[in-house]
PDB file of N, CA and C in Angstrom:
ATOM      1  N   MET A   1     -84.156 -21.236 -15.739  1.00  0.00           N
ATOM      2  CA  MET A   1     -82.970 -21.840 -15.188  1.00  0.00           C
ATOM      3  C   MET A   1     -82.577 -23.083 -15.981  1.00  0.00           C
ATOM      4  N   ARG A   2     -83.598 -23.871 -16.366  1.00  0.00           N
ATOM      5  CA  ARG A   2     -83.318 -25.084 -17.124  1.00  0.00           C
ATOM      6  C   ARG A   2     -82.671 -24.743 -18.472  1.00  0.00           C
ATOM      7  N   HIS A   3     -83.104 -23.651 -19.092  1.00  0.00           N
ATOM      8  CA  HIS A   3     -82.519 -23.228 -20.376  1.00  0.00           C
ATOM      9  C   HIS A   3     -81.056 -22.846 -20.200  1.00  0.00           C
ATOM     10  N   LEU A   4     -80.744 -22.221 -19.096  1.00  0.00           N
ATOM     11  CA  LEU A   4     -79.362 -21.828 -18.814  1.00  0.00           C
ATOM     12  C   LEU A   4     -78.484 -23.067 -18.653  1.00  0.00           C
ATOM     13  N   ARG A   5     -78.968 -24.052 -17.903  1.00  0.00           N
ATOM     14  CA  ARG A   5     -78.191 -25.293 -17.728  1.00  0.00           C
ATOM     15  C   ARG A   5     -77.998 -25.994 -19.067  1.00  0.00           C
ATOM     16  N   HIS A   6     -79.060 -26.025 -19.879  1.00  0.00           N
ATOM     17  CA  HIS A   6     -78.963 -26.660 -21.196  1.00  0.00           C
ATOM     18  C   HIS A   6     -77.947 -25.921 -22.064  1.00  0.00           C
ATOM     19  N   GLY A   7     -77.989 -24.607 -22.014  1.00  0.00           N
ATOM     20  CA  GLY A   7     -77.035 -23.800 -22.782  1.00  0.00           C
ATOM     21  C   GLY A   7     -75.602 -24.036 -22.332  1.00  0.00           C
ATOM     22  N   LEU A   8     -75.403 -24.115 -21.015  1.00  0.00           N
ATOM     23  CA  LEU A   8     -74.054 -24.376 -20.495  1.00  0.00           C
ATOM     24  C   LEU A   8     -73.585 -25.768 -20.867  1.00  0.00           C
ATOM     25  N   ALA A   9     -74.482 -26.732 -20.809  1.00  0.00           N
ATOM     26  CA  ALA A   9     -74.119 -28.102 -21.185  1.00  0.00           C
ATOM     27  C   ALA A   9     -73.723 -28.162 -22.659  1.00  0.00           C
ATOM     28  N   THR A  10     -74.475 -27.484 -23.499  1.00  0.00           N
ATOM     29  CA  THR A  10     -74.156 -27.440 -24.929  1.00  0.00           C
ATOM     30  C   THR A  10     -72.802 -26.788 -25.154  1.00  0.00           C
ATOM     31  N   LEU A  11     -72.565 -25.687 -24.465  1.00  0.00           N
ATOM     32  CA  LEU A  11     -71.284 -24.989 -24.580  1.00  0.00           C
ATOM     33  C   LEU A  11     -70.136 -25.895 -24.158  1.00  0.00           C
ATOM     34  N   CYS A  12     -70.312 -26.627 -23.077  1.00  0.00           N
ATOM     35  CA  CYS A  12     -69.266 -27.545 -22.603  1.00  0.00           C
ATOM     36  C   CYS A  12     -68.974 -28.634 -23.625  1.00  0.00           C
ATOM     37  N   LEU A  13     -69.991 -29.053 -24.352  1.00  0.00           N
ATOM     38  CA  LEU A  13     -69.791 -30.071 -25.379  1.00  0.00           C
ATOM     39  C   LEU A  13     -69.092 -29.498 -26.611  1.00  0.00           C
ATOM     40  N   LEU A  14     -69.353 -28.239 -26.929  1.00  0.00           N
ATOM     41  CA  LEU A  14     -68.795 -27.631 -28.137  1.00  0.00           C
ATOM     42  C   LEU A  14     -67.372 -27.113 -27.955  1.00  0.00           C
ATOM     43  N   LEU A  15     -66.983 -26.757 -26.738  1.00  0.00           N
ATOM     44  CA  LEU A  15     -65.637 -26.216 -26.523  1.00  0.00           C
ATOM     45  C   LEU A  15     -64.528 -27.163 -26.971  1.00  0.00           C
ATOM     46  N   PRO A  16     -64.590 -28.453 -26.645  1.00  0.00           N
ATOM     47  CA  PRO A  16     -63.537 -29.350 -27.140  1.00  0.00           C
ATOM     48  C   PRO A  16     -63.494 -29.420 -28.666  1.00  0.00           C
ATOM     49  N   LEU A  17     -64.657 -29.343 -29.312  1.00  0.00           N
ATOM     50  CA  LEU A  17     -64.689 -29.357 -30.778  1.00  0.00           C
ATOM     51  C   LEU A  17     -64.024 -28.113 -31.344  1.00  0.00           C
ATOM     52  N   ALA A  18     -64.295 -26.973 -30.734  1.00  0.00           N
ATOM     53  CA  ALA A  18     -63.661 -25.726 -31.186  1.00  0.00           C
ATOM     54  C   ALA A  18     -62.153 -25.789 -30.985  1.00  0.00           C
ATOM     55  N   ALA A  19     -61.710 -26.340 -29.874  1.00  0.00           N
ATOM     56  CA  ALA A  19     -60.272 -26.470 -29.611  1.00  0.00           C
ATOM     57  C   ALA A  19     -59.620 -27.407 -30.617  1.00  0.00           C
ATOM     58  N   ALA A  20     -60.295 -28.503 -30.934  1.00  0.00           N
ATOM     59  CA  ALA A  20     -59.755 -29.449 -31.924  1.00  0.00           C
ATOM     60  C   ALA A  20     -59.672 -28.796 -33.294  1.00  0.00           C
ATOM     61  N   ALA A  21     -60.688 -28.014 -33.651  1.00  0.00           N
ATOM     62  CA  ALA A  21     -60.653 -27.318 -34.938  1.00  0.00           C
ATOM     63  C   ALA A  21     -59.481 -26.348 -34.992  1.00  0.00           C
ATOM     64  N   GLN A  22     -59.245 -25.619 -33.899  1.00  0.00           N
ATOM     65  CA  GLN A  22     -58.120 -24.684 -33.863  1.00  0.00           C
ATOM     66  C   GLN A  22     -56.789 -25.434 -33.948  1.00  0.00           C
ATOM     67  N   ASP A  23     -56.682 -26.566 -33.258  1.00  0.00           N
ATOM     68  CA  ASP A  23     -55.469 -27.383 -33.345  1.00  0.00           C
ATOM     69  C   ASP A  23     -55.231 -27.838 -34.780  1.00  0.00           C
ATOM     70  N   SER A  24     -56.305 -28.223 -35.482  1.00  0.00           N
ATOM     71  CA  SER A  24     -56.187 -28.651 -36.867  1.00  0.00           C
ATOM     72  C   SER A  24     -55.713 -27.504 -37.750  1.00  0.00           C
ATOM     73  N   ARG A  25     -56.265 -26.323 -37.523  1.00  0.00           N
ATOM     74  CA  ARG A  25     -55.836 -25.143 -38.292  1.00  0.00           C
ATOM     75  C   ARG A  25     -54.361 -24.861 -38.066  1.00  0.00           C
ATOM     76  N   ASN A  26     -53.942 -24.917 -36.801  1.00  0.00           N
ATOM     77  CA  ASN A  26     -52.543 -24.631 -36.485  1.00  0.00           C
ATOM     78  C   ASN A  26     -51.614 -25.688 -37.083  1.00  0.00           C
ATOM     79  N   ALA A  27     -52.035 -26.951 -37.068  1.00  0.00           N
ATOM     80  CA  ALA A  27     -51.227 -28.014 -37.664  1.00  0.00           C
ATOM     81  C   ALA A  27     -51.100 -27.787 -39.171  1.00  0.00           C
ATOM     82  N   TYR A  28     -52.185 -27.375 -39.803  1.00  0.00           N
ATOM     83  CA  TYR A  28     -52.156 -27.090 -41.243  1.00  0.00           C
ATOM     84  C   TYR A  28     -51.211 -25.930 -41.526  1.00  0.00           C
ATOM     85  N   LEU A  29     -51.290 -24.884 -40.720  1.00  0.00           N
ATOM     86  CA  LEU A  29     -50.409 -23.729 -40.889  1.00  0.00           C
ATOM     87  C   LEU A  29     -48.940 -24.152 -40.789  1.00  0.00           C
ATOM     88  N   ARG A  30     -48.626 -25.011 -39.839  1.00  0.00           N
ATOM     89  CA  ARG A  30     -47.228 -25.441 -39.651  1.00  0.00           C
ATOM     90  C   ARG A  30     -46.670 -26.154 -40.878  1.00  0.00           C
ATOM     91  N   GLN A  31     -47.523 -26.778 -41.675  1.00  0.00           N
ATOM     92  CA  GLN A  31     -47.056 -27.426 -42.900  1.00  0.00           C
ATOM     93  C   GLN A  31     -46.501 -26.405 -43.889  1.00  0.00           C
ATOM     94  N   PHE A  32     -47.059 -25.203 -43.909  1.00  0.00           N
ATOM     95  CA  PHE A  32     -46.652 -24.136 -44.817  1.00  0.00           C
ATOM     96  C   PHE A  32     -45.533 -23.280 -44.234  1.00  0.00           C
ATOM     97  N   ASP A  33     -45.590 -23.056 -42.940  1.00  0.00           N
ATOM     98  CA  ASP A  33     -44.776 -22.055 -42.228  1.00  0.00           C
ATOM     99  C   ASP A  33     -43.346 -22.563 -41.992  1.00  0.00           C
ATOM    100  N   THR A  34     -42.511 -22.459 -43.007  1.00  0.00           N
ATOM    101  CA  THR A  34     -41.161 -23.023 -42.918  1.00  0.00           C
ATOM    102  C   THR A  34     -40.248 -22.260 -41.970  1.00  0.00           C
ATOM    103  N   ASP A  35     -40.505 -20.978 -41.742  1.00  0.00           N
ATOM    104  CA  ASP A  35     -39.638 -20.229 -40.826  1.00  0.00           C
ATOM    105  C   ASP A  35     -40.176 -20.199 -39.398  1.00  0.00           C
ATOM    106  N   GLY A  36     -41.350 -20.805 -39.168  1.00  0.00           N
ATOM    107  CA  GLY A  36     -41.888 -20.951 -37.826  1.00  0.00           C
ATOM    108  C   GLY A  36     -42.323 -19.671 -37.145  1.00  0.00           C
ATOM    109  N   ASN A  37     -42.658 -18.636 -37.926  1.00  0.00           N
ATOM    110  CA  ASN A  37     -43.052 -17.364 -37.314  1.00  0.00           C
ATOM    111  C   ASN A  37     -44.552 -17.248 -37.045  1.00  0.00           C
ATOM    112  N   GLY A  38     -45.300 -18.311 -37.307  1.00  0.00           N
ATOM    113  CA  GLY A  38     -46.728 -18.299 -36.991  1.00  0.00           C
ATOM    114  C   GLY A  38     -47.623 -17.769 -38.081  1.00  0.00           C
ATOM    115  N   CYS A  39     -47.058 -17.430 -39.210  1.00  0.00           N
ATOM    116  CA  CYS A  39     -47.879 -17.016 -40.339  1.00  0.00           C
ATOM    117  C   CYS A  39     -47.199 -17.464 -41.631  1.00  0.00           C
ATOM    118  N   VAL A  40     -47.981 -17.491 -42.699  1.00  0.00           N
ATOM    119  CA  VAL A  40     -47.513 -17.992 -43.981  1.00  0.00           C
ATOM    120  C   VAL A  40     -47.365 -16.825 -44.952  1.00  0.00           C
ATOM    121  N   SER A  41     -46.140 -16.611 -45.399  1.00  0.00           N
ATOM    122  CA  SER A  41     -45.869 -15.560 -46.378  1.00  0.00           C
ATOM    123  C   SER A  41     -46.304 -16.030 -47.765  1.00  0.00           C
ATOM    124  N   GLU A  42     -46.335 -15.110 -48.698  1.00  0.00           N
ATOM    125  CA  GLU A  42     -46.669 -15.470 -50.083  1.00  0.00           C
ATOM    126  C   GLU A  42     -45.663 -16.490 -50.623  1.00  0.00           C
ATOM    127  N   ALA A  43     -44.389 -16.291 -50.330  1.00  0.00           N
ATOM    128  CA  ALA A  43     -43.356 -17.220 -50.814  1.00  0.00           C
ATOM    129  C   ALA A  43     -43.562 -18.622 -50.226  1.00  0.00           C
ATOM    130  N   GLU A  44     -43.894 -18.708 -48.942  1.00  0.00           N
ATOM    131  CA  GLU A  44     -44.144 -20.011 -48.322  1.00  0.00           C
ATOM    132  C   GLU A  44     -45.378 -20.673 -48.928  1.00  0.00           C
ATOM    133  N   TYR A  45     -46.416 -19.877 -49.172  1.00  0.00           N
ATOM    134  CA  TYR A  45     -47.644 -20.384 -49.773  1.00  0.00           C
ATOM    135  C   TYR A  45     -47.359 -20.939 -51.162  1.00  0.00           C
ATOM    136  N   LEU A  46     -46.628 -20.155 -51.971  1.00  0.00           N
ATOM    137  CA  LEU A  46     -46.291 -20.597 -53.326  1.00  0.00           C
ATOM    138  C   LEU A  46     -45.470 -21.887 -53.302  1.00  0.00           C
ATOM    139  N   ALA A  47     -44.474 -21.928 -52.425  1.00  0.00           N
ATOM    140  CA  ALA A  47     -43.609 -23.105 -52.360  1.00  0.00           C
ATOM    141  C   ALA A  47     -44.414 -24.353 -52.005  1.00  0.00           C
ATOM    142  N   TYR A  48     -45.248 -24.245 -50.982  1.00  0.00           N
ATOM    143  CA  TYR A  48     -46.018 -25.415 -50.548  1.00  0.00           C
ATOM    144  C   TYR A  48     -47.035 -25.829 -51.617  1.00  0.00           C
ATOM    145  N   MET A  49     -47.775 -24.866 -52.128  1.00  0.00           N
ATOM    146  CA  MET A  49     -48.836 -25.178 -53.077  1.00  0.00           C
ATOM    147  C   MET A  49     -48.294 -25.582 -54.449  1.00  0.00           C
ATOM    148  N   SER A  50     -47.072 -25.226 -54.768  1.00  0.00           N
ATOM    149  CA  SER A  50     -46.474 -25.622 -56.049  1.00  0.00           C
ATOM    150  C   SER A  50     -46.069 -27.090 -56.054  1.00  0.00           C
ATOM    151  N   ARG A  51     -46.035 -27.705 -54.903  1.00  0.00           N
ATOM    152  CA  ARG A  51     -45.716 -29.141 -54.842  1.00  0.00           C
ATOM    153  C   ARG A  51     -46.709 -29.962 -55.660  1.00  0.00           C
ATOM    154  N   GLY A  52     -47.957 -29.528 -55.672  1.00  0.00           N
ATOM    155  CA  GLY A  52     -48.971 -30.234 -56.464  1.00  0.00           C
ATOM    156  C   GLY A  52     -48.634 -30.209 -57.939  1.00  0.00           C
ATOM    157  N   PHE A  53     -48.183 -29.074 -58.421  1.00  0.00           N
ATOM    158  CA  PHE A  53     -47.763 -28.954 -59.826  1.00  0.00           C
ATOM    159  C   PHE A  53     -46.614 -29.916 -60.087  1.00  0.00           C
ATOM    160  N   GLU A  54     -45.629 -29.903 -59.207  1.00  0.00           N
ATOM    161  CA  GLU A  54     -44.452 -30.747 -59.388  1.00  0.00           C
ATOM    162  C   GLU A  54     -44.819 -32.228 -59.423  1.00  0.00           C
ATOM    163  N   ARG A  55     -45.767 -32.635 -58.581  1.00  0.00           N
ATOM    164  CA  ARG A  55     -46.190 -34.041 -58.575  1.00  0.00           C
ATOM    165  C   ARG A  55     -46.919 -34.409 -59.867  1.00  0.00           C
ATOM    166  N   MET A  56     -47.730 -33.496 -60.378  1.00  0.00           N
ATOM    167  CA  MET A  56     -48.486 -33.790 -61.599  1.00  0.00           C
ATOM    168  C   MET A  56     -47.617 -33.728 -62.847  1.00  0.00           C
ATOM    169  N   ASP A  57     -46.563 -32.917 -62.828  1.00  0.00           N
ATOM    170  CA  ASP A  57     -45.687 -32.744 -63.997  1.00  0.00           C
ATOM    171  C   ASP A  57     -44.743 -33.945 -64.107  1.00  0.00           C
ATOM    172  N   THR A  58     -45.304 -35.045 -64.566  1.00  0.00           N
ATOM    173  CA  THR A  58     -44.564 -36.304 -64.557  1.00  0.00           C
ATOM    174  C   THR A  58     -43.358 -36.315 -65.493  1.00  0.00           C
ATOM    175  N   ASN A  59     -43.388 -35.517 -66.561  1.00  0.00           N
ATOM    176  CA  ASN A  59     -42.228 -35.477 -67.451  1.00  0.00           C
ATOM    177  C   ASN A  59     -41.276 -34.326 -67.095  1.00  0.00           C
ATOM    178  N   HIS A  60     -41.604 -33.585 -66.052  1.00  0.00           N
ATOM    179  CA  HIS A  60     -40.736 -32.531 -65.495  1.00  0.00           C
ATOM    180  C   HIS A  60     -40.302 -31.488 -66.519  1.00  0.00           C
ATOM    181  N   ASP A  61     -41.242 -31.093 -67.389  1.00  0.00           N
ATOM    182  CA  ASP A  61     -40.908 -30.080 -68.394  1.00  0.00           C
ATOM    183  C   ASP A  61     -41.428 -28.693 -68.036  1.00  0.00           C
ATOM    184  N   GLY A  62     -42.036 -28.543 -66.839  1.00  0.00           N
ATOM    185  CA  GLY A  62     -42.540 -27.244 -66.414  1.00  0.00           C
ATOM    186  C   GLY A  62     -43.889 -26.886 -67.005  1.00  0.00           C
ATOM    187  N   VAL A  63     -44.519 -27.832 -67.673  1.00  0.00           N
ATOM    188  CA  VAL A  63     -45.840 -27.615 -68.270  1.00  0.00           C
ATOM    189  C   VAL A  63     -46.703 -28.832 -67.942  1.00  0.00           C
ATOM    190  N   LEU A  64     -47.895 -28.564 -67.447  1.00  0.00           N
ATOM    191  CA  LEU A  64     -48.854 -29.655 -67.250  1.00  0.00           C
ATOM    192  C   LEU A  64     -49.610 -29.834 -68.563  1.00  0.00           C
ATOM    193  N   GLU A  65     -49.298 -30.920 -69.220  1.00  0.00           N
ATOM    194  CA  GLU A  65     -49.969 -31.266 -70.476  1.00  0.00           C
ATOM    195  C   GLU A  65     -51.350 -31.813 -70.140  1.00  0.00           C
ATOM    196  N   PRO A  66     -52.268 -31.816 -71.109  1.00  0.00           N
ATOM    197  CA  PRO A  66     -53.604 -32.356 -70.837  1.00  0.00           C
ATOM    198  C   PRO A  66     -53.574 -33.744 -70.192  1.00  0.00           C
ATOM    199  N   SER A  67     -52.666 -34.592 -70.630  1.00  0.00           N
ATOM    200  CA  SER A  67     -52.599 -35.950 -70.067  1.00  0.00           C
ATOM    201  C   SER A  67     -52.151 -35.954 -68.606  1.00  0.00           C
ATOM    202  N   GLU A  68     -51.515 -34.865 -68.140  1.00  0.00           N
ATOM    203  CA  GLU A  68     -51.056 -34.777 -66.751  1.00  0.00           C
ATOM    204  C   GLU A  68     -52.085 -34.111 -65.838  1.00  0.00           C
ATOM    205  N   LEU A  69     -53.119 -33.532 -66.429  1.00  0.00           N
ATOM    206  CA  LEU A  69     -54.160 -32.847 -65.666  1.00  0.00           C
ATOM    207  C   LEU A  69     -55.206 -33.830 -65.151  1.00  0.00           C
ATOM    208  N   PRO A  70     -55.868 -33.487 -64.044  1.00  0.00           N
ATOM    209  CA  PRO A  70     -56.952 -34.352 -63.552  1.00  0.00           C
ATOM    210  C   PRO A  70     -57.998 -34.551 -64.647  1.00  0.00           C
ATOM    211  N   GLY A  71     -58.393 -35.769 -64.863  1.00  0.00           N
ATOM    212  CA  GLY A  71     -59.361 -36.089 -65.906  1.00  0.00           C
ATOM    213  C   GLY A  71     -58.717 -36.316 -67.260  1.00  0.00           C
ATOM    214  N   GLY A  72     -57.430 -35.992 -67.386  1.00  0.00           N
ATOM    215  CA  GLY A  72     -56.712 -36.251 -68.632  1.00  0.00           C
ATOM    216  C   GLY A  72     -57.050 -35.326 -69.782  1.00  0.00           C
ATOM    217  N   HIS A  73     -57.639 -34.168 -69.472  1.00  0.00           N
ATOM    218  CA  HIS A  73     -57.942 -33.222 -70.546  1.00  0.00           C
ATOM    219  C   HIS A  73     -57.901 -31.797 -70.006  1.00  0.00           C
ATOM    220  N   GLY A  74     -57.897 -30.845 -70.912  1.00  0.00           N
ATOM    221  CA  GLY A  74     -57.817 -29.427 -70.565  1.00  0.00           C
ATOM    222  C   GLY A  74     -56.676 -28.770 -71.315  1.00  0.00           C
ATOM    223  N   LYS A  75     -56.498 -27.487 -71.087  1.00  0.00           N
ATOM    224  CA  LYS A  75     -55.427 -26.742 -71.736  1.00  0.00           C
ATOM    225  C   LYS A  75     -54.135 -26.905 -70.943  1.00  0.00           C
ATOM    226  N   PRO A  76     -52.985 -26.911 -71.613  1.00  0.00           N
ATOM    227  CA  PRO A  76     -51.709 -26.980 -70.896  1.00  0.00           C
ATOM    228  C   PRO A  76     -51.573 -25.801 -69.926  1.00  0.00           C
ATOM    229  N   VAL A  77     -50.912 -26.049 -68.800  1.00  0.00           N
ATOM    230  CA  VAL A  77     -50.702 -25.033 -67.771  1.00  0.00           C
ATOM    231  C   VAL A  77     -49.208 -24.973 -67.451  1.00  0.00           C
ATOM    232  N   THR A  78     -48.639 -23.785 -67.562  1.00  0.00           N
ATOM    233  CA  THR A  78     -47.233 -23.618 -67.212  1.00  0.00           C
ATOM    234  C   THR A  78     -47.097 -23.380 -65.714  1.00  0.00           C
ATOM    235  N   LEU A  79     -45.895 -23.606 -65.207  1.00  0.00           N
ATOM    236  CA  LEU A  79     -45.637 -23.330 -63.791  1.00  0.00           C
ATOM    237  C   LEU A  79     -45.865 -21.848 -63.498  1.00  0.00           C
ATOM    238  N   LYS A  80     -45.478 -20.985 -64.419  1.00  0.00           N
ATOM    239  CA  LYS A  80     -45.670 -19.539 -64.235  1.00  0.00           C
ATOM    240  C   LYS A  80     -47.161 -19.204 -64.088  1.00  0.00           C
ATOM    241  N   ALA A  81     -48.004 -19.787 -64.923  1.00  0.00           N
ATOM    242  CA  ALA A  81     -49.455 -19.536 -64.840  1.00  0.00           C
ATOM    243  C   ALA A  81     -50.024 -20.134 -63.554  1.00  0.00           C
ATOM    244  N   TRP A  82     -49.549 -21.321 -63.188  1.00  0.00           N
ATOM    245  CA  TRP A  82     -49.982 -21.984 -61.945  1.00  0.00           C
ATOM    246  C   TRP A  82     -49.692 -21.073 -60.757  1.00  0.00           C
ATOM    247  N   GLN A  83     -48.476 -20.542 -60.705  1.00  0.00           N
ATOM    248  CA  GLN A  83     -48.079 -19.705 -59.582  1.00  0.00           C
ATOM    249  C   GLN A  83     -48.775 -18.346 -59.602  1.00  0.00           C
ATOM    250  N   ALA A  84     -49.085 -17.825 -60.770  1.00  0.00           N
ATOM    251  CA  ALA A  84     -49.861 -16.580 -60.836  1.00  0.00           C
ATOM    252  C   ALA A  84     -51.237 -16.787 -60.211  1.00  0.00           C
ATOM    253  N   ASN A  85     -51.832 -17.938 -60.467  1.00  0.00           N
ATOM    254  CA  ASN A  85     -53.124 -18.265 -59.863  1.00  0.00           C
ATOM    255  C   ASN A  85     -52.984 -18.395 -58.347  1.00  0.00           C
ATOM    256  N   LEU A  86     -51.898 -19.035 -57.896  1.00  0.00           N
ATOM    257  CA  LEU A  86     -51.665 -19.160 -56.454  1.00  0.00           C
ATOM    258  C   LEU A  86     -51.505 -17.794 -55.794  1.00  0.00           C
ATOM    259  N   ARG A  87     -50.819 -16.868 -56.466  1.00  0.00           N
ATOM    260  CA  ARG A  87     -50.665 -15.505 -55.912  1.00  0.00           C
ATOM    261  C   ARG A  87     -52.021 -14.835 -55.746  1.00  0.00           C
ATOM    262  N   ARG A  88     -52.900 -14.992 -56.744  1.00  0.00           N
ATOM    263  CA  ARG A  88     -54.252 -14.423 -56.638  1.00  0.00           C
ATOM    264  C   ARG A  88     -54.996 -15.056 -55.459  1.00  0.00           C
ATOM    265  N   GLN A  89     -54.876 -16.373 -55.306  1.00  0.00           N
ATOM    266  CA  GLN A  89     -55.528 -17.052 -54.185  1.00  0.00           C
ATOM    267  C   GLN A  89     -54.996 -16.520 -52.854  1.00  0.00           C
ATOM    268  N   PHE A  90     -53.685 -16.373 -52.764  1.00  0.00           N
ATOM    269  CA  PHE A  90     -53.072 -15.879 -51.536  1.00  0.00           C
ATOM    270  C   PHE A  90     -53.660 -14.515 -51.162  1.00  0.00           C
ATOM    271  N   HIS A  91     -53.751 -13.616 -52.124  1.00  0.00           N
ATOM    272  CA  HIS A  91     -54.243 -12.269 -51.828  1.00  0.00           C
ATOM    273  C   HIS A  91     -55.734 -12.250 -51.502  1.00  0.00           C
ATOM    274  N   ARG A  92     -56.496 -13.192 -52.056  1.00  0.00           N
ATOM    275  CA  ARG A  92     -57.905 -13.307 -51.658  1.00  0.00           C
ATOM    276  C   ARG A  92     -58.019 -13.812 -50.220  1.00  0.00           C
ATOM    277  N   LEU A  93     -57.141 -14.734 -49.831  1.00  0.00           N
ATOM    278  CA  LEU A  93     -57.158 -15.257 -48.461  1.00  0.00           C
ATOM    279  C   LEU A  93     -56.658 -14.235 -47.444  1.00  0.00           C
ATOM    280  N   ASP A  94     -55.754 -13.360 -47.864  1.00  0.00           N
ATOM    281  CA  ASP A  94     -55.149 -12.366 -46.969  1.00  0.00           C
ATOM    282  C   ASP A  94     -56.122 -11.213 -46.741  1.00  0.00           C
ATOM    283  N   ARG A  95     -57.198 -11.514 -46.043  1.00  0.00           N
ATOM    284  CA  ARG A  95     -58.281 -10.536 -45.861  1.00  0.00           C
ATOM    285  C   ARG A  95     -57.880  -9.356 -44.981  1.00  0.00           C
ATOM    286  N   ARG A  96     -56.869  -9.533 -44.151  1.00  0.00           N
ATOM    287  CA  ARG A  96     -56.395  -8.438 -43.295  1.00  0.00           C
ATOM    288  C   ARG A  96     -55.303  -7.611 -43.982  1.00  0.00           C
ATOM    289  N   HIS A  97     -54.898  -8.050 -45.167  1.00  0.00           N
ATOM    290  CA  HIS A  97     -53.883  -7.349 -45.974  1.00  0.00           C
ATOM    291  C   HIS A  97     -52.574  -7.142 -45.224  1.00  0.00           C
ATOM    292  N   THR A  98     -52.111  -8.212 -44.567  1.00  0.00           N
ATOM    293  CA  THR A  98     -50.858  -8.145 -43.823  1.00  0.00           C
ATOM    294  C   THR A  98     -49.691  -8.737 -44.606  1.00  0.00           C
ATOM    295  N   GLY A  99     -49.984  -9.408 -45.723  1.00  0.00           N
ATOM    296  CA  GLY A  99     -48.934 -10.082 -46.478  1.00  0.00           C
ATOM    297  C   GLY A  99     -48.528 -11.397 -45.851  1.00  0.00           C
ATOM    298  N   CYS A 100     -49.319 -11.837 -44.879  1.00  0.00           N
ATOM    299  CA  CYS A 100     -49.012 -13.054 -44.132  1.00  0.00           C
ATOM    300  C   CYS A 100     -50.336 -13.670 -43.686  1.00  0.00           C
ATOM    301  N   LEU A 101     -50.509 -14.969 -43.933  1.00  0.00           N
ATOM    302  CA  LEU A 101     -51.751 -15.640 -43.567  1.00  0.00           C
ATOM    303  C   LEU A 101     -51.624 -16.292 -42.199  1.00  0.00           C
ATOM    304  N   ASP A 102     -52.580 -16.001 -41.325  1.00  0.00           N
ATOM    305  CA  ASP A 102     -52.633 -16.723 -40.055  1.00  0.00           C
ATOM    306  C   ASP A 102     -53.447 -18.004 -40.274  1.00  0.00           C
ATOM    307  N   ALA A 103     -53.587 -18.803 -39.228  1.00  0.00           N
ATOM    308  CA  ALA A 103     -54.280 -20.101 -39.360  1.00  0.00           C
ATOM    309  C   ALA A 103     -55.715 -19.920 -39.813  1.00  0.00           C
ATOM    310  N   GLN A 104     -56.399 -18.908 -39.323  1.00  0.00           N
ATOM    311  CA  GLN A 104     -57.803 -18.689 -39.704  1.00  0.00           C
ATOM    312  C   GLN A 104     -57.918 -18.313 -41.174  1.00  0.00           C
ATOM    313  N   GLU A 105     -57.065 -17.402 -41.638  1.00  0.00           N
ATOM    314  CA  GLU A 105     -57.114 -16.993 -43.043  1.00  0.00           C
ATOM    315  C   GLU A 105     -56.741 -18.162 -43.962  1.00  0.00           C
ATOM    316  N   LEU A 106     -55.736 -18.925 -43.570  1.00  0.00           N
ATOM    317  CA  LEU A 106     -55.254 -20.017 -44.388  1.00  0.00           C
ATOM    318  C   LEU A 106     -56.319 -21.086 -44.600  1.00  0.00           C
ATOM    319  N   THR A 107     -57.149 -21.315 -43.600  1.00  0.00           N
ATOM    320  CA  THR A 107     -58.149 -22.369 -43.685  1.00  0.00           C
ATOM    321  C   THR A 107     -59.527 -21.861 -44.105  1.00  0.00           C
ATOM    322  N   ALA A 108     -59.659 -20.562 -44.338  1.00  0.00           N
ATOM    323  CA  ALA A 108     -60.940 -19.993 -44.761  1.00  0.00           C
ATOM    324  C   ALA A 108     -61.176 -20.291 -46.245  1.00  0.00           C
ATOM    325  N   PRO A 109     -62.422 -20.460 -46.640  1.00  0.00           N
ATOM    326  CA  PRO A 109     -62.697 -20.619 -48.068  1.00  0.00           C
ATOM    327  C   PRO A 109     -62.319 -19.328 -48.805  1.00  0.00           C
ATOM    328  N   PRO A 110     -61.764 -19.437 -50.002  1.00  0.00           N
ATOM    329  CA  PRO A 110     -61.415 -18.212 -50.748  1.00  0.00           C
ATOM    330  C   PRO A 110     -62.653 -17.360 -50.969  1.00  0.00           C
ATOM    331  N   GLY A 111     -62.500 -16.075 -50.812  1.00  0.00           N
ATOM    332  CA  GLY A 111     -63.636 -15.160 -50.963  1.00  0.00           C
ATOM    333  C   GLY A 111     -63.683 -14.468 -52.267  1.00  0.00           C
TER     334      GLY A 111
END
């Protein structure tokens, strides 16, 4: 009986944490989900994730030069190559193959 009470007490402590984690996932999804349909399309994913490229491309030439890359070195990266990588990431995250990421898929580590 004592084990059951301990288990229930633990569960009661963990439920708010699980709810907060789900709220965080949903808030993250809303940042991507521009049409508000509850899932993130490939186009929405590309648009949101391409913002990082745009911020790093300080001379706005569509190419991240080594000096614009983290650490200041590496091979130049075009926007086209950046987005091709994002498409691959999207499809790895889309484990249910629906063409749309829900909050759980969006926040899962790439597989």
